[in-house]
Protein backbone atom coordinates (compact mmCIF):
# COMPACT_ATOMS: atom_id res chain seq x y z
CA UNK A 1 0.00 0.00 0.00
CA UNK A 2 1.46 3.35 -0.98
CA UNK A 3 1.57 6.32 1.36
CA UNK A 4 -1.10 8.85 0.33
CA UNK A 5 1.14 11.64 1.61
CA UNK A 6 3.79 10.82 -1.00
CA UNK A 7 3.51 12.84 -4.20
CA UNK A 8 0.45 14.78 -2.97
CA UNK A 9 -1.87 16.88 -5.09
CA UNK A 10 -1.74 19.67 -2.47
CA UNK A 11 0.08 20.41 0.79
CA UNK A 12 -0.95 18.61 3.97
CA UNK A 13 -1.86 20.70 7.02
CA UNK A 14 -0.10 19.54 10.18
CA UNK A 15 0.32 20.73 13.77
CA UNK A 16 3.05 20.37 16.37
CA UNK A 17 3.54 21.41 20.00
CA UNK A 18 6.40 23.04 21.89
CA UNK A 19 5.40 21.53 25.23
CA UNK A 20 6.84 23.42 28.17
CA UNK A 21 7.36 21.74 31.55
CA UNK A 22 9.41 23.19 34.42
CA UNK A 23 11.55 25.37 32.16
CA UNK A 24 12.18 22.61 29.60
CA UNK A 25 10.69 21.70 26.23
CA UNK A 26 9.94 18.21 24.91
CA UNK A 27 11.98 17.32 21.83
CA UNK A 28 11.43 14.04 19.97
CA UNK A 29 13.47 12.24 17.30
CA UNK A 30 11.65 10.98 14.22
CA UNK A 31 12.10 7.28 13.37
CA UNK A 32 10.59 7.53 9.86
CA UNK A 33 11.06 9.51 6.67
CA UNK A 34 10.95 12.31 5.71
CA UNK A 35 12.48 13.62 8.98
CA UNK A 36 14.22 10.43 10.10
CA UNK A 37 16.88 11.01 12.81
CA UNK A 38 15.95 14.68 13.23
CA UNK A 39 14.87 16.13 16.55
CA UNK A 40 11.65 18.08 16.35
CA UNK A 41 8.36 18.70 18.13
CA UNK A 42 5.65 16.04 18.47
CA UNK A 43 2.73 16.46 16.09
CA UNK A 44 1.14 15.30 12.88
CA UNK A 45 -1.54 15.82 10.24
CA UNK A 46 -4.87 17.48 10.98
CA UNK A 47 -7.81 15.16 10.29
CA UNK A 48 -10.97 16.21 8.45
CA UNK A 49 -13.44 17.94 10.79
CA UNK A 50 -10.87 18.44 13.53
CA UNK A 51 -9.95 21.86 14.91
CA UNK A 52 -6.27 22.77 15.09
CA UNK A 53 -6.34 22.62 18.91
CA UNK A 54 -8.04 19.21 18.85
CA UNK A 55 -5.49 17.96 16.34
CA UNK A 56 -2.44 19.03 18.37
CA UNK A 57 -3.87 17.53 21.58
CA UNK A 58 -4.65 14.24 19.77
CA UNK A 59 -1.32 14.03 17.96
CA UNK A 60 0.70 14.67 21.13
CA UNK A 61 -1.34 12.06 23.01
CA UNK A 62 -0.87 9.49 20.20
CA UNK A 63 2.86 10.10 19.86
CA UNK A 64 3.86 10.61 23.50
CA UNK A 65 0.88 9.73 25.79
CA UNK A 66 1.05 13.25 27.30
CA UNK A 67 -1.90 15.51 28.08
CA UNK A 68 -1.31 19.13 27.04
CA UNK A 69 -3.05 22.48 26.91
CA UNK A 70 -2.34 24.46 23.71
CA UNK A 71 -1.90 28.16 24.49
CA UNK A 72 -1.57 29.63 21.00
CA UNK A 73 0.53 29.62 17.87
CA UNK A 74 4.29 29.84 18.39
CA UNK A 75 5.24 29.75 14.72
CA UNK A 76 5.01 27.83 11.52
CA UNK A 77 7.20 25.73 9.31
CA UNK A 78 6.97 24.26 5.87
CA UNK A 79 8.45 20.97 4.73
CA UNK A 80 8.89 20.42 1.00
CA UNK A 81 10.80 17.30 -0.02
CA UNK A 82 11.77 16.86 -3.67
CA UNK A 83 12.82 13.63 -5.34
CA UNK A 84 15.93 13.27 -7.55
CA UNK A 85 13.95 14.49 -10.58
CA UNK A 86 12.66 17.58 -8.77
CA UNK A 87 9.13 16.26 -8.20
CA UNK A 88 7.34 17.13 -4.97
CA UNK A 89 7.54 13.95 -2.88
CA UNK A 90 6.14 15.54 0.32
CA UNK A 91 4.69 18.91 1.27
CA UNK A 92 3.54 19.81 4.79
CA UNK A 93 2.53 23.16 6.24
CA UNK A 94 3.01 22.87 10.02
CA UNK A 95 1.40 25.21 12.55
CA UNK A 96 3.42 25.03 15.75
CA UNK A 97 1.70 25.64 19.09
CA UNK A 98 3.05 26.72 22.45
CA UNK A 99 1.58 24.25 24.96
CA UNK A 100 1.62 23.56 28.67
CA UNK A 101 2.30 20.04 29.94
CA UNK A 102 -0.68 18.89 32.04
CA UNK A 103 0.05 15.26 32.91
CA UNK A 104 1.68 12.00 31.92
CA UNK A 105 5.15 10.74 31.18
CA UNK A 106 6.49 10.18 27.68
CA UNK A 107 5.68 6.85 26.05
CA UNK A 108 6.92 6.82 22.45
CA UNK A 109 4.94 5.39 19.54
CA UNK A 110 6.45 3.74 16.45
CA UNK A 111 7.04 7.10 14.74
CA UNK A 112 9.57 8.24 17.37
CA UNK A 113 12.73 6.68 18.79
CA UNK A 114 13.83 9.23 21.41
CA UNK A 115 12.39 11.99 23.57
CA UNK A 116 14.15 14.49 25.80
CA UNK A 117 13.07 17.34 28.07
CA UNK A 118 15.68 20.02 27.34
CA UNK A 119 16.42 23.60 28.18
CA UNK A 120 16.31 25.71 25.01
CA UNK A 121 20.10 26.26 25.07
CA UNK A 122 20.60 22.48 24.74
CA UNK A 123 19.04 22.36 21.26
CA UNK A 124 22.22 23.76 19.68
CA UNK A 125 24.06 20.42 19.70
CA UNK A 126 21.27 18.41 18.05
CA UNK A 127 20.28 17.76 14.44
CA UNK A 128 16.88 19.46 14.37
CA UNK A 129 14.25 20.44 11.87
CA UNK A 130 14.77 23.90 10.39
CA UNK A 131 13.67 26.79 12.59
CA UNK A 132 13.10 24.68 15.71
CA UNK A 133 15.09 26.97 18.00
CA UNK A 134 13.08 30.04 16.98
CA UNK A 135 9.75 28.25 17.49
CA UNK A 136 10.81 27.01 20.93
CA UNK A 137 11.95 30.51 21.90
CA UNK A 138 8.61 31.92 20.75
CA UNK A 139 6.72 29.31 22.80
CA UNK A 140 8.69 30.20 25.94
CA UNK A 141 7.99 33.91 25.40
CA UNK A 142 4.29 33.25 24.86
CA UNK A 143 3.90 31.10 27.96
CA UNK A 144 5.89 33.53 30.13
CA UNK A 145 3.09 36.08 29.77
CA UNK A 146 3.44 39.81 30.37
CA UNK A 147 6.62 40.95 32.09
C-alpha atoms as a PDB file:
ATOM      1  CA  UNK A   1       0.000   0.000   0.000  1.00  0.00           C
ATOM      2  CA  UNK A   2       1.456   3.354  -0.983  1.00  0.00           C
ATOM      3  CA  UNK A   3       1.575   6.316   1.361  1.00  0.00           C
ATOM      4  CA  UNK A   4      -1.104   8.846   0.327  1.00  0.00           C
ATOM      5  CA  UNK A   5       1.144  11.638   1.609  1.00  0.00           C
ATOM      6  CA  UNK A   6       3.786  10.819  -1.005  1.00  0.00           C
ATOM      7  CA  UNK A   7       3.506  12.844  -4.203  1.00  0.00           C
ATOM      8  CA  UNK A   8       0.450  14.777  -2.968  1.00  0.00           C
ATOM      9  CA  UNK A   9      -1.872  16.883  -5.094  1.00  0.00           C
ATOM     10  CA  UNK A  10      -1.738  19.670  -2.469  1.00  0.00           C
ATOM     11  CA  UNK A  11       0.080  20.406   0.793  1.00  0.00           C
ATOM     12  CA  UNK A  12      -0.952  18.612   3.971  1.00  0.00           C
ATOM     13  CA  UNK A  13      -1.857  20.705   7.023  1.00  0.00           C
ATOM     14  CA  UNK A  14      -0.102  19.543  10.183  1.00  0.00           C
ATOM     15  CA  UNK A  15       0.324  20.728  13.772  1.00  0.00           C
ATOM     16  CA  UNK A  16       3.054  20.375  16.374  1.00  0.00           C
ATOM     17  CA  UNK A  17       3.544  21.410  19.996  1.00  0.00           C
ATOM     18  CA  UNK A  18       6.397  23.043  21.885  1.00  0.00           C
ATOM     19  CA  UNK A  19       5.404  21.525  25.232  1.00  0.00           C
ATOM     20  CA  UNK A  20       6.837  23.423  28.174  1.00  0.00           C
ATOM     21  CA  UNK A  21       7.356  21.736  31.555  1.00  0.00           C
ATOM     22  CA  UNK A  22       9.405  23.194  34.421  1.00  0.00           C
ATOM     23  CA  UNK A  23      11.549  25.366  32.158  1.00  0.00           C
ATOM     24  CA  UNK A  24      12.183  22.614  29.600  1.00  0.00           C
ATOM     25  CA  UNK A  25      10.685  21.703  26.233  1.00  0.00           C
ATOM     26  CA  UNK A  26       9.937  18.213  24.914  1.00  0.00           C
ATOM     27  CA  UNK A  27      11.985  17.323  21.832  1.00  0.00           C
ATOM     28  CA  UNK A  28      11.433  14.038  19.966  1.00  0.00           C
ATOM     29  CA  UNK A  29      13.472  12.243  17.302  1.00  0.00           C
ATOM     30  CA  UNK A  30      11.652  10.976  14.218  1.00  0.00           C
ATOM     31  CA  UNK A  31      12.099   7.284  13.368  1.00  0.00           C
ATOM     32  CA  UNK A  32      10.592   7.535   9.863  1.00  0.00           C
ATOM     33  CA  UNK A  33      11.065   9.511   6.671  1.00  0.00           C
ATOM     34  CA  UNK A  34      10.947  12.314   5.711  1.00  0.00           C
ATOM     35  CA  UNK A  35      12.481  13.619   8.977  1.00  0.00           C
ATOM     36  CA  UNK A  36      14.220  10.428  10.104  1.00  0.00           C
ATOM     37  CA  UNK A  37      16.881  11.008  12.807  1.00  0.00           C
ATOM     38  CA  UNK A  38      15.954  14.677  13.228  1.00  0.00           C
ATOM     39  CA  UNK A  39      14.873  16.130  16.549  1.00  0.00           C
ATOM     40  CA  UNK A  40      11.649  18.079  16.351  1.00  0.00           C
ATOM     41  CA  UNK A  41       8.357  18.704  18.133  1.00  0.00           C
ATOM     42  CA  UNK A  42       5.655  16.038  18.466  1.00  0.00           C
ATOM     43  CA  UNK A  43       2.735  16.456  16.089  1.00  0.00           C
ATOM     44  CA  UNK A  44       1.138  15.302  12.878  1.00  0.00           C
ATOM     45  CA  UNK A  45      -1.539  15.816  10.238  1.00  0.00           C
ATOM     46  CA  UNK A  46      -4.871  17.482  10.975  1.00  0.00           C
ATOM     47  CA  UNK A  47      -7.811  15.163  10.294  1.00  0.00           C
ATOM     48  CA  UNK A  48     -10.972  16.210   8.453  1.00  0.00           C
ATOM     49  CA  UNK A  49     -13.442  17.944  10.787  1.00  0.00           C
ATOM     50  CA  UNK A  50     -10.868  18.435  13.528  1.00  0.00           C
ATOM     51  CA  UNK A  51      -9.946  21.862  14.906  1.00  0.00           C
ATOM     52  CA  UNK A  52      -6.272  22.775  15.093  1.00  0.00           C
ATOM     53  CA  UNK A  53      -6.343  22.624  18.905  1.00  0.00           C
ATOM     54  CA  UNK A  54      -8.045  19.212  18.849  1.00  0.00           C
ATOM     55  CA  UNK A  55      -5.489  17.958  16.336  1.00  0.00           C
ATOM     56  CA  UNK A  56      -2.445  19.033  18.366  1.00  0.00           C
ATOM     57  CA  UNK A  57      -3.873  17.530  21.584  1.00  0.00           C
ATOM     58  CA  UNK A  58      -4.646  14.239  19.774  1.00  0.00           C
ATOM     59  CA  UNK A  59      -1.316  14.026  17.958  1.00  0.00           C
ATOM     60  CA  UNK A  60       0.697  14.672  21.130  1.00  0.00           C
ATOM     61  CA  UNK A  61      -1.344  12.059  23.009  1.00  0.00           C
ATOM     62  CA  UNK A  62      -0.871   9.493  20.204  1.00  0.00           C
ATOM     63  CA  UNK A  63       2.863  10.098  19.861  1.00  0.00           C
ATOM     64  CA  UNK A  64       3.859  10.607  23.503  1.00  0.00           C
ATOM     65  CA  UNK A  65       0.880   9.732  25.795  1.00  0.00           C
ATOM     66  CA  UNK A  66       1.051  13.248  27.304  1.00  0.00           C
ATOM     67  CA  UNK A  67      -1.899  15.515  28.081  1.00  0.00           C
ATOM     68  CA  UNK A  68      -1.312  19.131  27.045  1.00  0.00           C
ATOM     69  CA  UNK A  69      -3.052  22.479  26.908  1.00  0.00           C
ATOM     70  CA  UNK A  70      -2.345  24.460  23.708  1.00  0.00           C
ATOM     71  CA  UNK A  71      -1.900  28.163  24.490  1.00  0.00           C
ATOM     72  CA  UNK A  72      -1.571  29.630  20.998  1.00  0.00           C
ATOM     73  CA  UNK A  73       0.532  29.617  17.871  1.00  0.00           C
ATOM     74  CA  UNK A  74       4.285  29.844  18.390  1.00  0.00           C
ATOM     75  CA  UNK A  75       5.239  29.748  14.724  1.00  0.00           C
ATOM     76  CA  UNK A  76       5.013  27.830  11.518  1.00  0.00           C
ATOM     77  CA  UNK A  77       7.199  25.730   9.308  1.00  0.00           C
ATOM     78  CA  UNK A  78       6.968  24.256   5.867  1.00  0.00           C
ATOM     79  CA  UNK A  79       8.449  20.968   4.732  1.00  0.00           C
ATOM     80  CA  UNK A  80       8.892  20.422   1.004  1.00  0.00           C
ATOM     81  CA  UNK A  81      10.797  17.300  -0.024  1.00  0.00           C
ATOM     82  CA  UNK A  82      11.767  16.857  -3.672  1.00  0.00           C
ATOM     83  CA  UNK A  83      12.824  13.625  -5.337  1.00  0.00           C
ATOM     84  CA  UNK A  84      15.927  13.272  -7.546  1.00  0.00           C
ATOM     85  CA  UNK A  85      13.954  14.488 -10.581  1.00  0.00           C
ATOM     86  CA  UNK A  86      12.663  17.583  -8.768  1.00  0.00           C
ATOM     87  CA  UNK A  87       9.127  16.257  -8.202  1.00  0.00           C
ATOM     88  CA  UNK A  88       7.343  17.128  -4.970  1.00  0.00           C
ATOM     89  CA  UNK A  89       7.543  13.954  -2.883  1.00  0.00           C
ATOM     90  CA  UNK A  90       6.142  15.537   0.315  1.00  0.00           C
ATOM     91  CA  UNK A  91       4.693  18.912   1.267  1.00  0.00           C
ATOM     92  CA  UNK A  92       3.538  19.805   4.789  1.00  0.00           C
ATOM     93  CA  UNK A  93       2.532  23.163   6.243  1.00  0.00           C
ATOM     94  CA  UNK A  94       3.009  22.874  10.015  1.00  0.00           C
ATOM     95  CA  UNK A  95       1.404  25.214  12.555  1.00  0.00           C
ATOM     96  CA  UNK A  96       3.421  25.030  15.753  1.00  0.00           C
ATOM     97  CA  UNK A  97       1.696  25.635  19.092  1.00  0.00           C
ATOM     98  CA  UNK A  98       3.048  26.715  22.451  1.00  0.00           C
ATOM     99  CA  UNK A  99       1.581  24.249  24.959  1.00  0.00           C
ATOM    100  CA  UNK A 100       1.624  23.559  28.673  1.00  0.00           C
ATOM    101  CA  UNK A 101       2.297  20.044  29.943  1.00  0.00           C
ATOM    102  CA  UNK A 102      -0.677  18.892  32.039  1.00  0.00           C
ATOM    103  CA  UNK A 103       0.046  15.260  32.909  1.00  0.00           C
ATOM    104  CA  UNK A 104       1.684  12.000  31.922  1.00  0.00           C
ATOM    105  CA  UNK A 105       5.155  10.736  31.185  1.00  0.00           C
ATOM    106  CA  UNK A 106       6.493  10.183  27.679  1.00  0.00           C
ATOM    107  CA  UNK A 107       5.677   6.846  26.055  1.00  0.00           C
ATOM    108  CA  UNK A 108       6.919   6.824  22.452  1.00  0.00           C
ATOM    109  CA  UNK A 109       4.944   5.392  19.543  1.00  0.00           C
ATOM    110  CA  UNK A 110       6.453   3.737  16.446  1.00  0.00           C
ATOM    111  CA  UNK A 111       7.044   7.105  14.740  1.00  0.00           C
ATOM    112  CA  UNK A 112       9.573   8.243  17.372  1.00  0.00           C
ATOM    113  CA  UNK A 113      12.732   6.679  18.794  1.00  0.00           C
ATOM    114  CA  UNK A 114      13.832   9.231  21.407  1.00  0.00           C
ATOM    115  CA  UNK A 115      12.390  11.986  23.574  1.00  0.00           C
ATOM    116  CA  UNK A 116      14.148  14.494  25.796  1.00  0.00           C
ATOM    117  CA  UNK A 117      13.075  17.345  28.069  1.00  0.00           C
ATOM    118  CA  UNK A 118      15.683  20.015  27.342  1.00  0.00           C
ATOM    119  CA  UNK A 119      16.417  23.602  28.184  1.00  0.00           C
ATOM    120  CA  UNK A 120      16.310  25.713  25.008  1.00  0.00           C
ATOM    121  CA  UNK A 121      20.095  26.256  25.066  1.00  0.00           C
ATOM    122  CA  UNK A 122      20.601  22.475  24.742  1.00  0.00           C
ATOM    123  CA  UNK A 123      19.044  22.362  21.260  1.00  0.00           C
ATOM    124  CA  UNK A 124      22.216  23.758  19.677  1.00  0.00           C
ATOM    125  CA  UNK A 125      24.064  20.423  19.704  1.00  0.00           C
ATOM    126  CA  UNK A 126      21.269  18.408  18.054  1.00  0.00           C
ATOM    127  CA  UNK A 127      20.275  17.763  14.435  1.00  0.00           C
ATOM    128  CA  UNK A 128      16.877  19.463  14.367  1.00  0.00           C
ATOM    129  CA  UNK A 129      14.247  20.444  11.873  1.00  0.00           C
ATOM    130  CA  UNK A 130      14.773  23.896  10.393  1.00  0.00           C
ATOM    131  CA  UNK A 131      13.674  26.789  12.593  1.00  0.00           C
ATOM    132  CA  UNK A 132      13.104  24.679  15.707  1.00  0.00           C
ATOM    133  CA  UNK A 133      15.087  26.967  18.003  1.00  0.00           C
ATOM    134  CA  UNK A 134      13.082  30.036  16.977  1.00  0.00           C
ATOM    135  CA  UNK A 135       9.754  28.253  17.493  1.00  0.00           C
ATOM    136  CA  UNK A 136      10.811  27.008  20.933  1.00  0.00           C
ATOM    137  CA  UNK A 137      11.948  30.507  21.904  1.00  0.00           C
ATOM    138  CA  UNK A 138       8.607  31.923  20.750  1.00  0.00           C
ATOM    139  CA  UNK A 139       6.723  29.306  22.801  1.00  0.00           C
ATOM    140  CA  UNK A 140       8.690  30.202  25.939  1.00  0.00           C
ATOM    141  CA  UNK A 141       7.987  33.911  25.404  1.00  0.00           C
ATOM    142  CA  UNK A 142       4.295  33.246  24.857  1.00  0.00           C
ATOM    143  CA  UNK A 143       3.901  31.103  27.956  1.00  0.00           C
ATOM    144  CA  UNK A 144       5.892  33.531  30.133  1.00  0.00           C
ATOM    145  CA  UNK A 145       3.091  36.079  29.768  1.00  0.00           C
ATOM    146  CA  UNK A 146       3.441  39.808  30.373  1.00  0.00           C
ATOM    147  CA  UNK A 147       6.618  40.950  32.090  1.00  0.00           C
END
